[in-house]
């Protein structure tokens, strides 16, 4: 069994859904696959939701859900963007998790931010008010790297 060792994830496979969500209001965006590109015009940190699995065979944790998964949305010239989602560590063994994103929350958050940057007038999104477990900064890669709103 392989262990997930990535600190962050990008989801270019969801780009078509982002295009569908924003094109009517702002034109078609393009996805920047280079997460190390330092030439972003703007960036915004927020959260999405998802589920993590601990792949450490000696750990008893199994999996956990999170309503506060750190994400950094970056804007580039000519309607470019990317979104970097940060991993979390297992609360039992400290291993990085394997991540399954809540696609709906990702698409809503990224599309909303792209439209805001494009000057589209919108009402503030009504995000879920359901509370989950408290955010644990020591387990959040977004906090560790300085990109999490909770950190």
N, C-alpha and C. Protein backbone atom coordinates (compact mmCIF):
# COMPACT_ATOMS: atom_id res chain seq x y z
N UNK A 1 0.84 -1.18 0.00
CA UNK A 1 0.00 0.00 0.00
C UNK A 1 0.89 1.24 0.00
N UNK A 2 0.64 2.18 -0.89
CA UNK A 2 1.47 3.38 -0.95
C UNK A 2 0.89 4.45 -0.03
N UNK A 3 1.78 5.27 0.51
CA UNK A 3 1.38 6.34 1.40
C UNK A 3 1.40 7.66 0.65
N UNK A 4 0.38 8.47 0.83
CA UNK A 4 0.30 9.78 0.19
C UNK A 4 1.32 10.71 0.84
N UNK A 5 2.14 11.34 0.02
CA UNK A 5 3.17 12.20 0.57
C UNK A 5 3.09 13.63 0.04
N UNK A 6 2.05 13.97 -0.67
CA UNK A 6 1.93 15.31 -1.22
C UNK A 6 1.41 16.28 -0.17
N UNK A 7 1.95 17.49 -0.18
CA UNK A 7 1.52 18.53 0.73
C UNK A 7 0.31 19.28 0.20
N UNK A 8 0.12 19.23 -1.14
CA UNK A 8 -0.99 19.95 -1.75
C UNK A 8 -1.45 19.23 -3.01
N UNK A 9 -2.63 19.64 -3.47
CA UNK A 9 -3.26 19.02 -4.63
C UNK A 9 -3.82 20.12 -5.54
N UNK A 10 -3.88 19.82 -6.83
CA UNK A 10 -4.60 20.68 -7.77
C UNK A 10 -5.58 19.77 -8.52
N UNK A 11 -6.67 20.35 -8.99
CA UNK A 11 -7.73 19.57 -9.62
C UNK A 11 -8.07 20.10 -11.01
N UNK A 12 -7.13 19.97 -11.96
CA UNK A 12 -7.44 20.42 -13.32
C UNK A 12 -8.60 19.64 -13.94
N UNK A 13 -8.89 18.46 -13.42
CA UNK A 13 -10.01 17.67 -13.93
C UNK A 13 -11.35 18.36 -13.67
N UNK A 14 -11.40 19.31 -12.76
CA UNK A 14 -12.64 20.05 -12.48
C UNK A 14 -12.71 21.37 -13.22
N UNK A 15 -11.73 21.63 -14.09
CA UNK A 15 -11.70 22.90 -14.83
C UNK A 15 -12.94 23.09 -15.70
N UNK A 16 -13.42 22.05 -16.37
CA UNK A 16 -14.60 22.21 -17.23
C UNK A 16 -15.82 22.67 -16.42
N UNK A 17 -15.95 22.18 -15.19
CA UNK A 17 -17.06 22.61 -14.34
C UNK A 17 -16.90 24.08 -13.93
N UNK A 18 -15.66 24.50 -13.70
CA UNK A 18 -15.39 25.91 -13.39
C UNK A 18 -15.76 26.77 -14.60
N UNK A 19 -15.36 26.35 -15.78
CA UNK A 19 -15.69 27.08 -17.01
C UNK A 19 -17.21 27.22 -17.13
N UNK A 20 -17.94 26.11 -16.93
CA UNK A 20 -19.40 26.16 -17.01
C UNK A 20 -20.00 27.14 -16.00
N UNK A 21 -19.38 27.23 -14.82
CA UNK A 21 -19.92 28.07 -13.74
C UNK A 21 -19.64 29.56 -13.94
N UNK A 22 -18.63 29.93 -14.73
CA UNK A 22 -18.26 31.35 -14.82
C UNK A 22 -18.37 31.96 -16.21
N UNK A 23 -18.36 31.18 -17.26
CA UNK A 23 -18.23 31.71 -18.62
C UNK A 23 -19.33 32.70 -18.98
N UNK A 24 -20.54 32.47 -18.55
CA UNK A 24 -21.64 33.38 -18.87
C UNK A 24 -21.40 34.79 -18.33
N UNK A 25 -20.71 34.88 -17.19
CA UNK A 25 -20.50 36.16 -16.54
C UNK A 25 -19.18 36.85 -16.87
N UNK A 26 -18.17 36.08 -17.29
CA UNK A 26 -16.85 36.71 -17.40
C UNK A 26 -15.98 36.19 -18.54
N UNK A 27 -16.43 35.31 -19.35
CA UNK A 27 -15.59 34.73 -20.37
C UNK A 27 -14.89 33.49 -19.85
N UNK A 28 -14.24 32.79 -20.73
CA UNK A 28 -13.66 31.49 -20.38
C UNK A 28 -12.28 31.62 -19.74
N UNK A 29 -12.11 31.09 -18.54
CA UNK A 29 -10.79 31.10 -17.90
C UNK A 29 -9.92 29.95 -18.39
N UNK A 30 -8.63 30.07 -18.15
CA UNK A 30 -7.70 28.97 -18.44
C UNK A 30 -7.04 28.55 -17.13
N UNK A 31 -6.64 27.28 -17.06
CA UNK A 31 -6.08 26.72 -15.83
C UNK A 31 -4.56 26.70 -15.92
N UNK A 32 -3.89 27.29 -14.93
CA UNK A 32 -2.43 27.29 -14.86
C UNK A 32 -2.00 26.05 -14.08
N UNK A 33 -1.37 25.11 -14.75
CA UNK A 33 -0.96 23.85 -14.12
C UNK A 33 0.28 23.98 -13.24
N UNK A 34 0.93 25.11 -13.29
CA UNK A 34 2.19 25.29 -12.55
C UNK A 34 1.91 25.88 -11.17
N UNK A 35 1.84 25.02 -10.14
CA UNK A 35 1.52 25.53 -8.81
C UNK A 35 2.68 26.29 -8.19
N UNK A 36 3.86 26.22 -8.78
CA UNK A 36 5.01 26.97 -8.28
C UNK A 36 5.19 28.30 -8.99
N UNK A 37 4.26 28.67 -9.86
CA UNK A 37 4.34 29.92 -10.60
C UNK A 37 4.18 31.09 -9.63
N UNK A 38 5.18 31.93 -9.56
CA UNK A 38 5.16 33.06 -8.63
C UNK A 38 4.61 34.33 -9.28
N UNK A 39 4.08 34.23 -10.47
CA UNK A 39 3.62 35.40 -11.21
C UNK A 39 2.11 35.62 -11.11
N UNK A 40 1.50 35.21 -10.03
CA UNK A 40 0.07 35.44 -9.86
C UNK A 40 -0.19 36.93 -9.65
N UNK A 41 -1.28 37.42 -10.23
CA UNK A 41 -1.68 38.82 -10.06
C UNK A 41 -2.39 39.03 -8.73
N UNK A 42 -3.02 37.98 -8.23
CA UNK A 42 -3.78 38.07 -6.99
C UNK A 42 -3.93 36.67 -6.42
N UNK A 43 -4.18 36.59 -5.11
CA UNK A 43 -4.45 35.29 -4.50
C UNK A 43 -5.41 35.47 -3.35
N UNK A 44 -6.16 34.41 -3.06
CA UNK A 44 -7.16 34.45 -2.02
C UNK A 44 -7.20 33.10 -1.32
N UNK A 45 -7.10 33.13 0.00
CA UNK A 45 -7.16 31.90 0.80
C UNK A 45 -8.56 31.73 1.36
N UNK A 46 -9.07 30.52 1.26
CA UNK A 46 -10.39 30.19 1.80
C UNK A 46 -10.39 28.71 2.16
N UNK A 47 -11.56 28.11 2.28
CA UNK A 47 -11.67 26.70 2.63
C UNK A 47 -12.64 25.98 1.71
N UNK A 48 -12.41 24.70 1.53
CA UNK A 48 -13.35 23.79 0.88
C UNK A 48 -13.57 22.63 1.85
N UNK A 49 -14.35 21.67 1.42
CA UNK A 49 -14.60 20.50 2.26
C UNK A 49 -14.02 19.26 1.59
N UNK A 50 -13.79 18.24 2.38
CA UNK A 50 -13.28 17.01 1.81
C UNK A 50 -13.15 15.91 2.84
N UNK A 51 -12.61 14.80 2.39
CA UNK A 51 -12.44 13.62 3.23
C UNK A 51 -11.02 13.11 3.06
N UNK A 52 -10.41 12.72 4.15
CA UNK A 52 -9.05 12.21 4.16
C UNK A 52 -9.03 10.77 4.65
N UNK A 53 -8.08 10.02 4.14
CA UNK A 53 -7.86 8.65 4.58
C UNK A 53 -6.41 8.52 5.00
N UNK A 54 -6.19 7.87 6.14
CA UNK A 54 -4.83 7.59 6.59
C UNK A 54 -4.42 6.24 6.01
N UNK A 55 -3.33 6.25 5.24
CA UNK A 55 -2.86 5.03 4.60
C UNK A 55 -1.78 4.30 5.40
N UNK A 56 -1.48 4.80 6.59
CA UNK A 56 -0.49 4.15 7.44
C UNK A 56 -1.11 2.85 7.96
N UNK A 57 -0.56 1.69 7.57
CA UNK A 57 -1.17 0.41 7.97
C UNK A 57 -1.13 0.15 9.47
N UNK A 58 -0.28 0.87 10.20
CA UNK A 58 -0.21 0.67 11.65
C UNK A 58 -1.10 1.65 12.41
N UNK A 59 -1.80 2.53 11.71
CA UNK A 59 -2.63 3.54 12.34
C UNK A 59 -4.08 3.05 12.43
N UNK A 60 -4.74 3.35 13.50
CA UNK A 60 -6.13 2.93 13.69
C UNK A 60 -7.14 3.99 13.28
N UNK A 61 -6.69 5.18 12.87
CA UNK A 61 -7.59 6.30 12.57
C UNK A 61 -8.54 6.00 11.42
N UNK A 62 -8.05 5.49 10.33
CA UNK A 62 -8.90 5.21 9.17
C UNK A 62 -9.11 6.43 8.31
N UNK A 63 -10.16 7.22 8.61
CA UNK A 63 -10.45 8.40 7.79
C UNK A 63 -11.11 9.47 8.63
N UNK A 64 -11.15 10.68 8.07
CA UNK A 64 -11.80 11.80 8.74
C UNK A 64 -12.27 12.79 7.69
N UNK A 65 -13.33 13.49 8.00
CA UNK A 65 -13.83 14.54 7.14
C UNK A 65 -13.43 15.90 7.68
N UNK A 66 -13.39 16.89 6.80
CA UNK A 66 -13.04 18.24 7.23
C UNK A 66 -13.87 19.26 6.46
N UNK A 67 -14.45 20.18 7.18
CA UNK A 67 -15.17 21.30 6.57
C UNK A 67 -14.26 22.50 6.37
N UNK A 68 -12.99 22.37 6.80
CA UNK A 68 -12.02 23.47 6.67
C UNK A 68 -10.72 22.96 6.08
N UNK A 69 -10.76 22.67 4.79
CA UNK A 69 -9.57 22.27 4.06
C UNK A 69 -9.06 23.53 3.37
N UNK A 70 -7.84 23.93 3.68
CA UNK A 70 -7.28 25.18 3.15
C UNK A 70 -7.08 25.10 1.64
N UNK A 71 -7.43 26.21 0.96
CA UNK A 71 -7.26 26.31 -0.49
C UNK A 71 -6.76 27.72 -0.79
N UNK A 72 -5.81 27.82 -1.71
CA UNK A 72 -5.30 29.10 -2.18
C UNK A 72 -5.66 29.23 -3.65
N UNK A 73 -6.50 30.20 -3.97
CA UNK A 73 -6.91 30.45 -5.35
C UNK A 73 -6.04 31.58 -5.87
N UNK A 74 -5.42 31.37 -7.04
CA UNK A 74 -4.53 32.37 -7.61
C UNK A 74 -5.05 32.80 -8.98
N UNK A 75 -4.92 34.12 -9.24
CA UNK A 75 -5.35 34.69 -10.53
C UNK A 75 -4.13 35.05 -11.35
N UNK A 76 -4.22 34.79 -12.65
CA UNK A 76 -3.16 35.13 -13.60
C UNK A 76 -3.75 35.98 -14.72
N UNK A 77 -2.90 36.60 -15.49
CA UNK A 77 -3.35 37.47 -16.59
C UNK A 77 -4.24 36.71 -17.56
N UNK A 78 -5.12 37.47 -18.21
CA UNK A 78 -5.98 36.94 -19.27
C UNK A 78 -6.89 35.81 -18.80
N UNK A 79 -7.49 35.98 -17.63
CA UNK A 79 -8.45 35.02 -17.07
C UNK A 79 -7.84 33.70 -16.65
N UNK A 80 -6.57 33.70 -16.29
CA UNK A 80 -5.95 32.47 -15.81
C UNK A 80 -6.15 32.30 -14.31
N UNK A 81 -6.12 31.08 -13.87
CA UNK A 81 -6.24 30.80 -12.44
C UNK A 81 -5.65 29.43 -12.13
N UNK A 82 -5.41 29.18 -10.88
CA UNK A 82 -5.27 27.83 -10.37
C UNK A 82 -5.75 27.84 -8.93
N UNK A 83 -5.88 26.67 -8.37
CA UNK A 83 -6.35 26.53 -6.99
C UNK A 83 -5.56 25.39 -6.36
N UNK A 84 -4.86 25.72 -5.29
CA UNK A 84 -4.02 24.74 -4.60
C UNK A 84 -4.72 24.37 -3.29
N UNK A 85 -5.02 23.10 -3.14
CA UNK A 85 -5.70 22.60 -1.95
C UNK A 85 -4.66 21.90 -1.09
N UNK A 86 -4.62 22.25 0.19
CA UNK A 86 -3.58 21.75 1.08
C UNK A 86 -4.03 20.51 1.86
N UNK A 87 -3.12 19.59 1.98
CA UNK A 87 -3.37 18.32 2.66
C UNK A 87 -3.50 18.53 4.16
N UNK A 88 -3.93 17.49 4.84
CA UNK A 88 -3.96 17.46 6.30
C UNK A 88 -3.27 16.18 6.78
N UNK A 89 -2.81 16.23 8.01
CA UNK A 89 -2.15 15.08 8.63
C UNK A 89 -3.13 14.36 9.55
N UNK A 90 -2.89 13.08 9.70
CA UNK A 90 -3.69 12.24 10.58
C UNK A 90 -3.46 12.66 12.03
N UNK A 91 -4.52 12.79 12.78
CA UNK A 91 -4.42 13.18 14.18
C UNK A 91 -3.86 12.09 15.07
N UNK A 92 -3.81 10.85 14.58
CA UNK A 92 -3.28 9.75 15.39
C UNK A 92 -1.80 9.50 15.15
N UNK A 93 -1.39 9.51 13.87
CA UNK A 93 0.00 9.12 13.56
C UNK A 93 0.81 10.20 12.85
N UNK A 94 0.17 11.33 12.51
CA UNK A 94 0.82 12.47 11.87
C UNK A 94 1.21 12.22 10.41
N UNK A 95 0.76 11.15 9.79
CA UNK A 95 1.04 10.90 8.37
C UNK A 95 0.14 11.78 7.51
N UNK A 96 0.63 12.21 6.34
CA UNK A 96 -0.21 12.95 5.41
C UNK A 96 -1.34 12.06 4.92
N UNK A 97 -2.52 12.65 4.75
CA UNK A 97 -3.67 11.88 4.30
C UNK A 97 -3.76 11.78 2.80
N UNK A 98 -4.59 10.85 2.35
CA UNK A 98 -5.01 10.77 0.95
C UNK A 98 -6.34 11.52 0.90
N UNK A 99 -6.49 12.41 -0.07
CA UNK A 99 -7.58 13.38 -0.06
C UNK A 99 -8.62 13.10 -1.14
N UNK A 100 -9.89 13.22 -0.75
CA UNK A 100 -11.01 13.18 -1.68
C UNK A 100 -11.78 14.49 -1.50
N UNK A 101 -11.78 15.32 -2.54
CA UNK A 101 -12.38 16.65 -2.43
C UNK A 101 -13.90 16.59 -2.57
N UNK A 102 -14.57 17.48 -1.89
CA UNK A 102 -15.99 17.71 -2.11
C UNK A 102 -16.06 18.63 -3.34
N UNK A 103 -16.39 18.06 -4.47
CA UNK A 103 -16.32 18.79 -5.74
C UNK A 103 -17.23 20.01 -5.75
N UNK A 104 -18.40 19.89 -5.17
CA UNK A 104 -19.35 21.01 -5.17
C UNK A 104 -18.76 22.22 -4.44
N UNK A 105 -18.18 22.00 -3.26
CA UNK A 105 -17.63 23.14 -2.52
C UNK A 105 -16.45 23.76 -3.28
N UNK A 106 -15.63 22.93 -3.91
CA UNK A 106 -14.49 23.43 -4.69
C UNK A 106 -14.97 24.31 -5.85
N UNK A 107 -15.91 23.80 -6.62
CA UNK A 107 -16.41 24.52 -7.79
C UNK A 107 -17.07 25.84 -7.36
N UNK A 108 -17.88 25.79 -6.30
CA UNK A 108 -18.54 27.01 -5.82
C UNK A 108 -17.53 28.06 -5.37
N UNK A 109 -16.53 27.66 -4.61
CA UNK A 109 -15.57 28.63 -4.06
C UNK A 109 -14.68 29.22 -5.15
N UNK A 110 -14.19 28.38 -6.04
CA UNK A 110 -13.31 28.88 -7.10
C UNK A 110 -14.10 29.77 -8.06
N UNK A 111 -15.29 29.34 -8.48
CA UNK A 111 -16.09 30.14 -9.41
C UNK A 111 -16.46 31.49 -8.79
N UNK A 112 -16.84 31.48 -7.53
CA UNK A 112 -17.20 32.72 -6.83
C UNK A 112 -16.02 33.70 -6.84
N UNK A 113 -14.83 33.21 -6.50
CA UNK A 113 -13.66 34.08 -6.42
C UNK A 113 -13.29 34.62 -7.80
N UNK A 114 -13.34 33.79 -8.84
CA UNK A 114 -13.02 34.25 -10.19
C UNK A 114 -13.99 35.34 -10.64
N UNK A 115 -15.27 35.15 -10.34
CA UNK A 115 -16.26 36.17 -10.70
C UNK A 115 -16.02 37.47 -9.93
N UNK A 116 -15.71 37.37 -8.63
CA UNK A 116 -15.41 38.57 -7.85
C UNK A 116 -14.25 39.33 -8.45
N UNK A 117 -13.19 38.61 -8.78
CA UNK A 117 -12.03 39.27 -9.38
C UNK A 117 -12.36 39.91 -10.72
N UNK A 118 -13.32 39.33 -11.44
CA UNK A 118 -13.72 39.88 -12.75
C UNK A 118 -14.70 41.04 -12.61
N UNK A 119 -15.08 41.38 -11.38
CA UNK A 119 -15.98 42.50 -11.16
C UNK A 119 -17.45 42.16 -11.28
N UNK A 120 -17.80 40.90 -11.29
CA UNK A 120 -19.19 40.48 -11.38
C UNK A 120 -19.86 40.76 -10.03
N UNK A 121 -20.99 41.46 -10.06
CA UNK A 121 -21.72 41.76 -8.82
C UNK A 121 -22.51 40.53 -8.41
N UNK A 122 -22.29 40.11 -7.17
CA UNK A 122 -22.96 38.91 -6.66
C UNK A 122 -23.29 39.10 -5.19
N UNK A 123 -24.27 38.34 -4.74
CA UNK A 123 -24.52 38.28 -3.31
C UNK A 123 -23.49 37.35 -2.70
N UNK A 124 -23.16 37.60 -1.45
CA UNK A 124 -22.22 36.73 -0.74
C UNK A 124 -22.81 35.33 -0.66
N UNK A 125 -21.98 34.34 -0.91
CA UNK A 125 -22.45 32.96 -0.89
C UNK A 125 -22.83 32.52 0.51
N UNK A 126 -23.96 31.86 0.64
CA UNK A 126 -24.36 31.34 1.96
C UNK A 126 -23.67 29.99 2.22
N UNK A 127 -22.49 30.03 2.80
CA UNK A 127 -21.79 28.79 3.11
C UNK A 127 -22.44 28.11 4.29
N UNK A 128 -22.27 26.83 4.36
CA UNK A 128 -22.85 26.04 5.44
C UNK A 128 -22.43 26.57 6.81
N UNK A 129 -23.38 26.64 7.70
CA UNK A 129 -23.08 27.08 9.07
C UNK A 129 -22.90 25.89 10.00
N UNK A 130 -22.98 24.68 9.47
CA UNK A 130 -22.77 23.50 10.30
C UNK A 130 -21.34 23.49 10.81
N UNK A 131 -21.21 23.27 12.07
CA UNK A 131 -19.88 23.24 12.68
C UNK A 131 -19.36 21.80 12.67
N UNK A 132 -18.10 21.67 12.37
CA UNK A 132 -17.43 20.39 12.46
C UNK A 132 -16.53 20.40 13.68
N UNK A 133 -15.60 19.50 13.70
CA UNK A 133 -14.61 19.47 14.77
C UNK A 133 -13.74 20.71 14.68
N UNK A 134 -13.14 21.15 15.77
CA UNK A 134 -12.26 22.32 15.73
C UNK A 134 -11.08 22.08 14.77
N UNK A 135 -10.67 23.16 14.11
CA UNK A 135 -9.53 23.09 13.20
C UNK A 135 -8.25 22.86 14.00
N UNK A 136 -7.44 21.91 13.57
CA UNK A 136 -6.19 21.62 14.27
C UNK A 136 -5.03 22.12 13.42
N UNK A 137 -4.52 23.29 13.78
CA UNK A 137 -3.47 23.94 13.00
C UNK A 137 -2.23 23.06 12.80
N UNK A 138 -1.89 22.29 13.81
CA UNK A 138 -0.69 21.47 13.73
C UNK A 138 -0.81 20.33 12.71
N UNK A 139 -2.03 20.06 12.24
CA UNK A 139 -2.24 18.99 11.26
C UNK A 139 -2.52 19.52 9.85
N UNK A 140 -2.63 20.83 9.71
CA UNK A 140 -3.02 21.47 8.45
C UNK A 140 -1.78 21.96 7.69
N UNK A 141 -1.58 21.45 6.50
CA UNK A 141 -0.45 21.90 5.68
C UNK A 141 -0.63 23.35 5.23
N UNK A 142 -1.86 23.80 5.07
CA UNK A 142 -2.11 25.20 4.73
C UNK A 142 -1.66 26.12 5.86
N UNK A 143 -1.91 25.73 7.11
CA UNK A 143 -1.43 26.52 8.25
C UNK A 143 0.10 26.51 8.30
N UNK A 144 0.68 25.34 8.11
CA UNK A 144 2.13 25.21 8.18
C UNK A 144 2.82 26.10 7.16
N UNK A 145 2.22 26.23 5.98
CA UNK A 145 2.81 27.02 4.90
C UNK A 145 2.33 28.48 4.90
N UNK A 146 1.45 28.83 5.82
CA UNK A 146 1.00 30.22 5.93
C UNK A 146 -0.13 30.60 4.99
N UNK A 147 -0.91 29.64 4.48
CA UNK A 147 -1.98 29.94 3.55
C UNK A 147 -3.37 29.68 4.09
N UNK A 148 -3.50 29.22 5.30
CA UNK A 148 -4.82 28.88 5.85
C UNK A 148 -5.37 30.06 6.63
N UNK A 149 -6.66 30.36 6.44
CA UNK A 149 -7.31 31.44 7.17
C UNK A 149 -7.32 31.16 8.67
N UNK A 150 -7.32 29.91 9.04
CA UNK A 150 -7.38 29.54 10.46
C UNK A 150 -6.03 29.69 11.15
N UNK A 151 -4.94 29.69 10.37
CA UNK A 151 -3.61 29.76 10.94
C UNK A 151 -3.19 31.15 11.22
